[in-house]
Amino acid sequence: MKHAHHHHHERRARLIAEMRARSGGGIAAIPTAPEALRNADTHYPYRPDSHFYYLAGFPEPEAVVILIAGTEAGDSRQILFCRDKNPEREIWDGFRYGPDAAREIFGFDEAHPISELAVKLADETCDRPALYTPLGLYPDWDLTVTATLNEVRNRVRTGVAAPEAVVDVRAAVAAMRLIKDAEEVNLLRRAAEISSGAHRRAMARTRPGWFEYQVEAELAHEFLRLGAQAVAYPSIVASGPNACVLHYRENDRQTQATDLLLIDAGCEYQGYASDITRTFPVGGRFSGAQKAVYELVLAAQLACIEAIRPGKAFHDYHQVAERVLAQGLIDLKLCEGSLDAVLESGTYKQFYMHRAGHWLGLDVHDVGLYRVDGESRLLEPGMALTVEPGCYIRPADRVPEEFWDIGVRIEDDVLVTAEGSENLTAATPKSLSDVEAACER
């Protein structure tokens, strides 16, 4: 059983090595997320904390990972605290691993009931140079941390030393999460496959007169049918003028045959996010103005993907998006002046006001720095990111009416590889002819 979670064991070992390098040892304590009430006694579907899940792979609430880095290289321990087995509660709420099975299955050296955390955490924190833990993330956890430190300080006159440093562990874990290992790439790839199928289904089934939520139901059907337990973020199904709202959530408008439908939707598969946007004509055919805007956004998106490879700065593809879109907006007479003048003045931002993408992983807007020491981060193999330029044309003076309420975004999930990049969502129709073919009734 143990080798099923060897990658989690390995990640914990890497964090222990990081603590040893940074502080000459220490203790890390990383809690999972608390359960959240939706109303009365009903909880939201439970989602573990991403940092915790990355290190533990353990799905239950009320759990904490403790990692101990001794001063000697071999001297380390990986400990899990979790809920005890409880036949009475399991009748009501379902299976619990309990410490014994959890230790075995998730590859820990020790596991203990969560009820013993306070006492054992204080004992283990004594004489450690540093305590690594998330600070200011969960109020109850902050209380646990301060109580632990105070308990250890109370023992100082018995000859015990308290940690001199309390370090927010999230920066170290985020740096690890930025580069995906083989297991993570497999999960991202599966999430991308499922979401790609959901977008294809939406294109094939949507009919003029459907409400946006009926399209959302087609997406949800495909996500669940293929084993994704949740969406990575609330699905955006934005028809006509709604496509010009970047995070449109109502999904309650009735679609018209002349609308474009912008769908930004992705499932979460075993914790990993996908994030795809496609824009297609509800009636199955792009009109002249719609076609012109679509072709522009597609050209920008393809140029962006081309700009992604190891050694390139993260911000390079954003500048590519701005240049292609600004030039296209000049050609469509929506912006005035030379390309340099339009880029300099930022007039294009009336129609394109967001970045061309973000990191992707356990969180849809995944952790990891975009700048290091003021310089744009260089891309490395194993980084995963979205590529999503767009163009949103709201009714305005000096905007010809044929362009009003056209919103187009095209988004893929891209993995940086040693050779360049791999588009994980390439199976989703994207060229004008492929999109119109996918909408064939």
Protein backbone atom coordinates (compact mmCIF):
# COMPACT_ATOMS: atom_id res chain seq x y z
CA MET A 1 0.00 0.00 0.00
CA LYS A 2 2.74 2.41 1.02
CA HIS A 3 4.20 2.96 -2.47
CA ALA A 4 0.84 4.32 -3.69
CA HIS A 5 1.74 7.57 -1.87
CA HIS A 6 5.53 7.50 -2.32
CA HIS A 7 5.40 10.88 -4.09
CA HIS A 8 3.85 12.45 -0.97
CA HIS A 9 6.56 10.85 1.18
CA GLU A 10 9.17 12.28 -1.18
CA ARG A 11 7.68 15.80 -1.05
CA ARG A 12 7.73 15.71 2.76
CA ALA A 13 11.36 14.58 2.66
CA ARG A 14 12.21 17.53 0.39
CA LEU A 15 10.60 19.96 2.83
CA ILE A 16 12.58 18.40 5.68
CA ALA A 17 15.79 18.88 3.65
CA GLU A 18 14.80 22.52 3.04
CA MET A 19 14.32 23.09 6.80
CA ARG A 20 17.70 21.53 7.52
CA ALA A 21 19.41 23.70 4.90
CA ARG A 22 17.69 26.86 6.11
CA SER A 23 17.64 26.49 9.91
CA GLY A 24 19.87 23.51 10.63
CA GLY A 25 16.75 21.52 11.47
CA GLY A 26 13.36 22.33 12.94
CA ILE A 27 9.77 21.22 13.09
CA ALA A 28 7.02 21.87 10.55
CA ALA A 29 3.34 21.76 11.51
CA ILE A 30 0.85 22.04 8.64
CA PRO A 31 -2.90 21.77 9.25
CA THR A 32 -5.61 20.95 6.75
CA ALA A 33 -8.56 23.29 6.19
CA PRO A 34 -11.38 23.45 8.75
CA GLU A 35 -14.82 22.31 7.68
CA ALA A 36 -17.10 25.19 6.65
CA LEU A 37 -20.78 25.53 7.52
CA ARG A 38 -23.08 26.43 4.65
CA ASN A 39 -26.15 26.99 6.81
CA ALA A 40 -27.54 25.58 10.07
CA ASP A 41 -25.89 22.14 10.40
CA THR A 42 -25.06 21.60 6.71
CA HIS A 43 -21.44 21.82 5.62
CA TYR A 44 -20.00 22.80 2.26
CA PRO A 45 -18.47 19.80 0.46
CA TYR A 46 -15.12 19.34 2.19
CA ARG A 47 -11.93 20.40 0.39
CA PRO A 48 -8.54 19.85 2.09
CA ASP A 49 -6.02 22.68 2.32
CA SER A 50 -3.87 22.57 -0.84
CA HIS A 51 -0.48 22.79 0.92
CA PHE A 52 -1.53 20.06 3.35
CA TYR A 53 -2.92 17.86 0.58
CA TYR A 54 0.25 18.31 -1.50
CA LEU A 55 2.30 16.94 1.40
CA ALA A 56 -0.11 14.35 2.82
CA GLY A 57 -2.55 13.22 0.11
CA PHE A 58 -4.93 12.75 3.05
CA PRO A 59 -8.56 13.74 2.34
CA GLU A 60 -10.16 14.03 5.80
CA PRO A 61 -10.69 17.17 7.92
CA GLU A 62 -9.17 17.56 11.41
CA ALA A 63 -5.68 16.51 10.39
CA VAL A 64 -2.17 17.94 10.79
CA VAL A 65 1.18 16.94 9.28
CA ILE A 66 4.20 17.27 11.58
CA LEU A 67 7.65 16.99 10.01
CA ILE A 68 10.75 16.81 12.16
CA ALA A 69 14.17 17.68 10.76
CA GLY A 70 16.89 16.69 13.20
CA THR A 71 20.41 18.10 12.92
CA GLU A 72 21.75 14.88 11.41
CA ALA A 73 20.85 14.08 7.79
CA GLY A 74 19.11 10.77 8.62
CA ASP A 75 17.38 12.10 11.70
CA SER A 76 13.88 12.95 10.50
CA ARG A 77 10.30 11.87 11.16
CA GLN A 78 7.04 12.27 9.28
CA ILE A 79 3.97 12.26 11.54
CA LEU A 80 0.24 12.51 10.83
CA PHE A 81 -2.43 13.49 13.34
CA CYS A 82 -5.96 12.57 12.23
CA ARG A 83 -9.41 11.56 13.47
CA ASP A 84 -9.68 8.29 15.39
CA LYS A 85 -11.77 5.41 14.09
CA ASN A 86 -15.30 5.92 15.43
CA PRO A 87 -17.92 3.30 14.46
CA GLU A 88 -20.78 5.47 15.74
CA ARG A 89 -19.77 8.54 13.66
CA GLU A 90 -18.90 6.36 10.66
CA ILE A 91 -22.51 5.12 10.53
CA TRP A 92 -23.62 8.72 10.04
CA ASP A 93 -20.75 10.37 8.14
CA GLY A 94 -18.90 7.56 6.40
CA PHE A 95 -15.53 5.88 6.52
CA ARG A 96 -12.55 7.22 8.46
CA TYR A 97 -9.02 5.91 8.01
CA GLY A 98 -7.98 6.29 11.64
CA PRO A 99 -4.29 6.68 12.60
CA ASP A 100 -3.16 3.06 12.02
CA ALA A 101 -4.44 2.69 8.47
CA ALA A 102 -3.51 6.29 7.60
CA ARG A 103 0.09 5.76 8.70
CA GLU A 104 0.39 2.67 6.51
CA ILE A 105 -1.45 3.94 3.43
CA PHE A 106 -0.08 7.49 3.32
CA GLY A 107 3.48 6.47 4.18
CA PHE A 108 4.06 8.19 7.54
CA ASP A 109 6.50 7.07 10.24
CA GLU A 110 3.89 7.65 12.94
CA ALA A 111 0.23 8.59 13.21
CA HIS A 112 -1.72 9.69 16.28
CA PRO A 113 -5.28 10.75 17.16
CA ILE A 114 -5.86 14.47 16.61
CA SER A 115 -6.97 14.69 20.28
CA GLU A 116 -3.31 14.18 21.28
CA LEU A 117 -2.00 17.02 19.13
CA ALA A 118 -1.63 19.73 21.79
CA VAL A 119 0.52 17.65 24.14
CA LYS A 120 2.67 15.98 21.49
CA LEU A 121 3.21 19.15 19.44
CA ALA A 122 4.55 20.98 22.50
CA ASP A 123 6.87 18.06 23.32
CA GLU A 124 8.21 17.88 19.76
CA THR A 125 8.73 21.65 19.51
CA CYS A 126 11.10 21.74 22.49
CA ASP A 127 14.75 22.33 21.54
CA ARG A 128 13.99 22.88 17.85
CA PRO A 129 15.71 25.89 16.23
CA ALA A 130 12.65 26.81 14.13
CA LEU A 131 8.92 26.16 13.82
CA TYR A 132 7.62 26.16 10.22
CA THR A 133 3.87 26.67 9.99
CA PRO A 134 1.29 28.72 8.09
CA LEU A 135 0.66 31.98 9.96
CA GLY A 136 -2.57 33.95 9.71
CA LEU A 137 -4.26 31.33 7.53
CA TYR A 138 -6.74 29.73 9.97
CA PRO A 139 -7.62 31.61 13.21
CA ASP A 140 -7.97 28.41 15.26
CA TRP A 141 -4.60 27.17 14.05
CA ASP A 142 -2.96 30.47 15.04
CA LEU A 143 -4.28 29.86 18.57
CA THR A 144 -2.81 26.34 18.52
CA VAL A 145 0.58 27.72 17.45
CA THR A 146 0.69 30.44 20.13
CA ALA A 147 -0.48 27.99 22.80
CA THR A 148 2.28 25.57 21.74
CA LEU A 149 4.98 28.25 21.83
CA ASN A 150 3.79 29.47 25.24
CA GLU A 151 3.80 25.92 26.61
CA VAL A 152 7.38 25.41 25.39
CA ARG A 153 8.47 28.81 26.79
CA ASN A 154 6.98 27.80 30.15
CA ARG A 155 9.42 24.91 30.23
CA VAL A 156 12.49 27.07 29.64
CA ARG A 157 13.51 26.99 33.31
CA THR A 158 13.62 23.18 33.10
CA GLY A 159 16.44 23.60 30.56
CA VAL A 160 14.34 23.46 27.37
CA ALA A 161 14.90 25.92 24.50
CA ALA A 162 12.00 27.38 22.52
CA PRO A 163 12.32 27.90 18.73
CA GLU A 164 13.97 31.23 17.99
CA ALA A 165 12.39 31.43 14.56
CA VAL A 166 8.77 30.96 13.55
CA VAL A 167 8.75 30.74 9.75
CA ASP A 168 5.74 30.85 7.44
CA VAL A 169 6.12 27.49 5.71
CA ARG A 170 3.96 28.48 2.74
CA ALA A 171 6.78 30.09 0.73
CA ALA A 172 8.83 26.88 0.80
CA VAL A 173 5.87 24.67 -0.14
CA ALA A 174 4.77 27.11 -2.87
CA ALA A 175 8.24 26.96 -4.45
CA MET A 176 7.95 23.15 -4.56
CA ARG A 177 4.41 23.26 -5.96
CA LEU A 178 5.45 25.57 -8.80
CA ILE A 179 7.33 22.70 -10.48
CA LYS A 180 4.97 19.78 -11.06
CA ASP A 181 6.23 16.22 -10.58
CA ALA A 182 5.18 13.33 -12.84
CA GLU A 183 2.22 12.41 -10.63
CA GLU A 184 0.90 15.97 -10.72
CA VAL A 185 1.29 16.17 -14.50
CA ASN A 186 -0.83 13.01 -14.84
CA LEU A 187 -3.60 14.52 -12.69
CA LEU A 188 -3.48 17.87 -14.53
CA ARG A 189 -3.66 15.98 -17.83
CA ARG A 190 -6.72 14.01 -16.69
CA ALA A 191 -8.46 17.15 -15.41
CA ALA A 192 -7.74 18.80 -18.78
CA GLU A 193 -9.13 15.80 -20.71
CA ILE A 194 -12.38 15.77 -18.75
CA SER A 195 -12.89 19.52 -19.14
CA SER A 196 -12.07 19.40 -22.83
CA GLY A 197 -14.85 16.82 -23.30
CA ALA A 198 -17.24 19.02 -21.33
CA HIS A 199 -16.59 21.98 -23.66
CA ARG A 200 -17.10 19.75 -26.71
CA ARG A 201 -20.39 18.53 -25.26
CA ALA A 202 -21.54 22.12 -24.65
CA MET A 203 -20.76 23.08 -28.25
CA ALA A 204 -22.61 20.06 -29.63
CA ARG A 205 -25.74 20.36 -27.48
CA THR A 206 -26.39 24.07 -26.95
CA ARG A 207 -29.44 25.39 -28.83
CA PRO A 208 -30.72 28.95 -29.35
CA GLY A 209 -33.29 29.68 -26.63
CA TRP A 210 -31.53 27.60 -23.99
CA PHE A 211 -30.83 29.33 -20.70
CA GLU A 212 -27.17 29.64 -19.73
CA TYR A 213 -27.78 27.30 -16.77
CA GLN A 214 -28.91 24.55 -19.15
CA VAL A 215 -25.48 24.75 -20.79
CA GLU A 216 -23.88 24.69 -17.33
CA ALA A 217 -25.79 21.46 -16.66
CA GLU A 218 -24.16 19.86 -19.73
CA LEU A 219 -20.72 20.80 -18.35
CA ALA A 220 -21.58 19.45 -14.89
CA HIS A 221 -22.89 16.21 -16.40
CA GLU A 222 -19.60 15.56 -18.18
CA PHE A 223 -17.46 16.50 -15.15
CA LEU A 224 -19.29 14.11 -12.82
CA ARG A 225 -19.69 11.34 -15.41
CA LEU A 226 -15.90 11.14 -15.77
CA GLY A 227 -15.07 11.18 -12.05
CA ALA A 228 -14.33 14.84 -11.31
CA GLN A 229 -15.86 15.59 -7.92
CA ALA A 230 -16.00 19.37 -8.20
CA VAL A 231 -15.47 22.40 -10.40
CA ALA A 232 -12.13 24.16 -10.02
CA TYR A 233 -14.08 27.46 -9.88
CA PRO A 234 -17.73 28.41 -10.54
CA SER A 235 -18.45 27.83 -14.25
CA ILE A 236 -18.85 30.98 -16.34
CA VAL A 237 -21.51 30.55 -19.06
CA ALA A 238 -21.79 34.02 -20.55
CA SER A 239 -23.94 34.71 -23.60
CA GLY A 240 -24.16 37.94 -25.59
CA PRO A 241 -23.39 41.00 -23.44
CA ASN A 242 -22.55 38.82 -20.42
CA ALA A 243 -19.34 37.71 -22.16
CA CYS A 244 -17.98 41.20 -21.39
CA VAL A 245 -18.17 40.48 -17.63
CA LEU A 246 -14.92 38.68 -16.78
CA HIS A 247 -16.22 36.71 -13.78
CA TYR A 248 -19.89 36.44 -14.79
CA ARG A 249 -21.66 34.06 -12.39
CA GLU A 250 -25.45 34.43 -12.76
CA ASN A 251 -25.81 31.99 -15.69
CA ASP A 252 -29.53 32.82 -16.00
CA ARG A 253 -29.92 34.62 -19.36
CA GLN A 254 -31.75 33.05 -22.30
CA THR A 255 -29.44 32.65 -25.29
CA GLN A 256 -30.28 34.00 -28.76
CA ALA A 257 -29.21 32.51 -32.10
CA THR A 258 -27.12 35.63 -32.83
CA ASP A 259 -25.17 35.48 -29.53
CA LEU A 260 -21.64 34.38 -28.92
CA LEU A 261 -21.43 32.10 -25.88
CA LEU A 262 -18.27 32.37 -23.79
CA ILE A 263 -17.73 29.37 -21.50
CA ASP A 264 -14.92 29.47 -18.94
CA ALA A 265 -15.14 26.19 -17.05
CA GLY A 266 -12.87 23.50 -15.70
CA CYS A 267 -13.18 20.57 -13.34
CA GLU A 268 -11.03 19.69 -10.38
CA TYR A 269 -9.72 16.12 -10.55
CA GLN A 270 -8.23 14.61 -7.37
CA GLY A 271 -7.47 18.13 -6.23
CA TYR A 272 -5.94 19.40 -9.49
CA ALA A 273 -7.52 22.18 -11.51
CA SER A 274 -8.18 22.67 -15.19
CA ASP A 275 -9.21 26.00 -16.68
CA ILE A 276 -10.51 26.19 -20.26
CA THR A 277 -12.31 29.00 -22.09
CA ARG A 278 -13.96 28.68 -25.47
CA THR A 279 -16.26 31.10 -27.29
CA PHE A 280 -18.71 29.84 -29.92
CA PRO A 281 -21.79 31.05 -31.83
CA VAL A 282 -25.06 29.86 -30.28
CA GLY A 283 -26.56 29.65 -33.78
CA GLY A 284 -23.58 27.66 -35.08
CA ARG A 285 -22.07 30.32 -37.38
CA PHE A 286 -19.94 33.40 -36.60
CA SER A 287 -21.16 36.73 -38.02
CA GLY A 288 -18.71 39.11 -39.73
CA ALA A 289 -17.84 41.24 -36.68
CA GLN A 290 -17.80 38.17 -34.39
CA LYS A 291 -15.49 36.38 -36.81
CA ALA A 292 -13.10 39.35 -36.96
CA VAL A 293 -12.80 39.57 -33.16
CA TYR A 294 -12.52 35.79 -32.79
CA GLU A 295 -9.72 35.56 -35.36
CA LEU A 296 -7.84 38.35 -33.57
CA VAL A 297 -8.06 36.68 -30.15
CA LEU A 298 -7.09 33.33 -31.67
CA ALA A 299 -4.03 34.88 -33.36
CA ALA A 300 -3.01 36.41 -30.03
CA GLN A 301 -3.54 33.13 -28.19
CA LEU A 302 -1.48 31.10 -30.68
CA ALA A 303 1.31 33.70 -30.56
CA CYS A 304 1.27 33.49 -26.74
CA ILE A 305 1.61 29.70 -26.74
CA GLU A 306 4.50 30.07 -29.19
CA ALA A 307 6.24 32.35 -26.65
CA ILE A 308 6.21 29.72 -23.89
CA ARG A 309 9.37 27.67 -23.47
CA PRO A 310 12.07 27.15 -20.83
CA GLY A 311 14.27 30.17 -20.14
CA LYS A 312 11.68 32.70 -21.31
CA ALA A 313 10.41 35.22 -18.76
CA PHE A 314 6.89 34.59 -17.46
CA HIS A 315 5.79 38.09 -18.52
CA ASP A 316 6.94 37.67 -22.14
CA TYR A 317 3.75 36.02 -23.36
CA HIS A 318 1.65 38.74 -21.73
CA GLN A 319 3.47 41.34 -23.79
CA VAL A 320 2.93 39.20 -26.89
CA ALA A 321 -0.82 39.22 -26.15
CA GLU A 322 -0.85 42.99 -25.76
CA ARG A 323 1.06 43.59 -29.00
CA VAL A 324 -1.08 41.27 -31.14
CA LEU A 325 -4.36 42.52 -29.66
CA ALA A 326 -3.38 46.20 -29.84
CA GLN A 327 -2.39 45.87 -33.49
CA GLY A 328 -5.64 44.03 -34.26
CA LEU A 329 -7.69 46.69 -32.50
CA ILE A 330 -5.97 49.33 -34.64
CA ASP A 331 -6.76 47.30 -37.77
CA LEU A 332 -10.42 47.06 -36.68
CA LYS A 333 -10.39 50.85 -36.10
CA LEU A 334 -11.27 50.39 -32.44
CA CYS A 335 -7.99 52.02 -31.34
CA GLU A 336 -6.30 55.01 -33.00
CA GLY A 337 -2.60 55.67 -33.55
CA SER A 338 0.57 53.66 -34.09
CA LEU A 339 1.14 50.35 -32.28
CA ASP A 340 3.74 51.92 -29.98
CA ALA A 341 1.44 54.85 -29.20
CA VAL A 342 -1.50 52.55 -28.39
CA LEU A 343 0.67 50.32 -26.17
CA GLU A 344 2.20 53.36 -24.47
CA SER A 345 -1.13 55.11 -23.78
CA GLY A 346 -2.91 51.87 -22.84
CA THR A 347 -6.03 52.69 -24.87
CA TYR A 348 -6.27 48.98 -25.79
CA LYS A 349 -7.14 48.31 -22.13
CA GLN A 350 -10.70 49.43 -22.86
CA PHE A 351 -11.02 46.07 -24.68
CA TYR A 352 -8.37 43.91 -22.96
CA MET A 353 -7.85 44.54 -19.25
CA HIS A 354 -6.44 41.35 -17.73
CA ARG A 355 -3.27 39.30 -17.80
CA ALA A 356 -2.78 36.56 -20.36
CA GLY A 357 -2.57 33.81 -17.75
CA HIS A 358 -1.56 32.44 -14.35
CA TRP A 359 0.03 29.37 -12.75
CA LEU A 360 -2.19 26.27 -12.53
CA GLY A 361 -2.12 23.35 -10.09
CA LEU A 362 -3.95 22.35 -6.91
CA ASP A 363 -5.41 25.86 -6.97
CA VAL A 364 -6.79 27.30 -10.18
CA HIS A 365 -4.75 30.46 -9.54
CA ASP A 366 -1.86 28.39 -8.27
CA VAL A 367 0.86 29.38 -5.82
CA GLY A 368 4.32 30.50 -6.91
CA LEU A 369 6.00 33.85 -7.41
CA TYR A 370 5.64 35.66 -10.74
CA ARG A 371 8.60 37.90 -9.94
CA VAL A 372 11.81 37.14 -8.08
CA ASP A 373 13.91 40.12 -6.87
CA GLY A 374 11.84 42.39 -9.11
CA GLU A 375 12.62 40.34 -12.22
CA SER A 376 10.05 38.28 -14.11
CA ARG A 377 10.33 34.59 -13.23
CA LEU A 378 11.98 32.42 -15.91
CA LEU A 379 9.93 29.47 -17.13
CA GLU A 380 11.18 25.97 -16.29
CA PRO A 381 10.04 22.49 -17.33
CA GLY A 382 7.25 21.31 -15.02
CA MET A 383 5.56 24.69 -14.66
CA ALA A 384 1.89 24.71 -15.69
CA LEU A 385 0.09 27.87 -16.74
CA THR A 386 -2.98 29.17 -18.52
CA VAL A 387 -2.90 31.12 -21.78
CA GLU A 388 -6.03 33.24 -22.06
CA PRO A 389 -6.03 36.52 -23.99
CA GLY A 390 -9.43 38.05 -24.72
CA CYS A 391 -11.28 40.96 -26.22
CA TYR A 392 -14.39 42.53 -24.68
CA ILE A 393 -16.26 45.25 -26.54
CA ARG A 394 -18.93 47.04 -24.54
CA PRO A 395 -21.24 49.59 -26.15
CA ALA A 396 -19.40 52.94 -26.22
CA ASP A 397 -19.00 56.10 -28.26
CA ARG A 398 -16.72 55.64 -31.25
CA VAL A 399 -17.32 51.86 -31.20
CA PRO A 400 -19.33 50.77 -34.29
CA GLU A 401 -22.58 49.10 -33.27
CA GLU A 402 -21.79 45.82 -35.06
CA PHE A 403 -19.05 45.24 -32.42
CA TRP A 404 -21.22 46.00 -29.39
CA ASP A 405 -21.46 43.25 -26.74
CA ILE A 406 -18.94 40.95 -28.42
CA GLY A 407 -16.78 39.22 -25.82
CA VAL A 408 -14.25 36.55 -26.81
CA ARG A 409 -11.71 34.67 -24.69
CA ILE A 410 -9.77 31.55 -25.67
CA GLU A 411 -7.90 29.71 -22.93
CA ASP A 412 -5.73 26.61 -22.83
CA ASP A 413 -3.69 24.93 -20.09
CA VAL A 414 -0.03 24.64 -21.06
CA LEU A 415 2.78 22.62 -19.49
CA VAL A 416 6.34 23.90 -19.91
CA THR A 417 8.52 21.00 -21.14
CA ALA A 418 12.23 20.57 -21.81
CA GLU A 419 11.52 20.95 -25.56
CA GLY A 420 9.10 23.88 -25.30
CA SER A 421 5.53 23.36 -24.22
CA GLU A 422 2.64 20.92 -24.33
CA ASN A 423 -0.95 22.12 -24.67
CA LEU A 424 -2.89 19.90 -22.24
CA THR A 425 -6.25 21.13 -23.54
CA ALA A 426 -5.48 20.93 -27.29
CA ALA A 427 -8.38 18.49 -27.84
CA THR A 428 -10.86 21.35 -27.32
CA PRO A 429 -12.04 22.79 -30.70
CA LYS A 430 -10.43 26.17 -31.30
CA SER A 431 -9.97 27.13 -34.96
CA LEU A 432 -12.96 28.87 -36.55
CA SER A 433 -13.77 25.88 -38.74
CA ASP A 434 -13.32 23.38 -35.88
CA VAL A 435 -15.59 25.41 -33.60
CA GLU A 436 -18.31 25.73 -36.23
CA ALA A 437 -18.01 21.99 -36.96
CA ALA A 438 -18.31 21.21 -33.23
CA CYS A 439 -21.54 23.27 -33.17
CA GLU A 440 -23.08 21.27 -36.08
CA ARG A 441 -26.67 20.50 -35.20
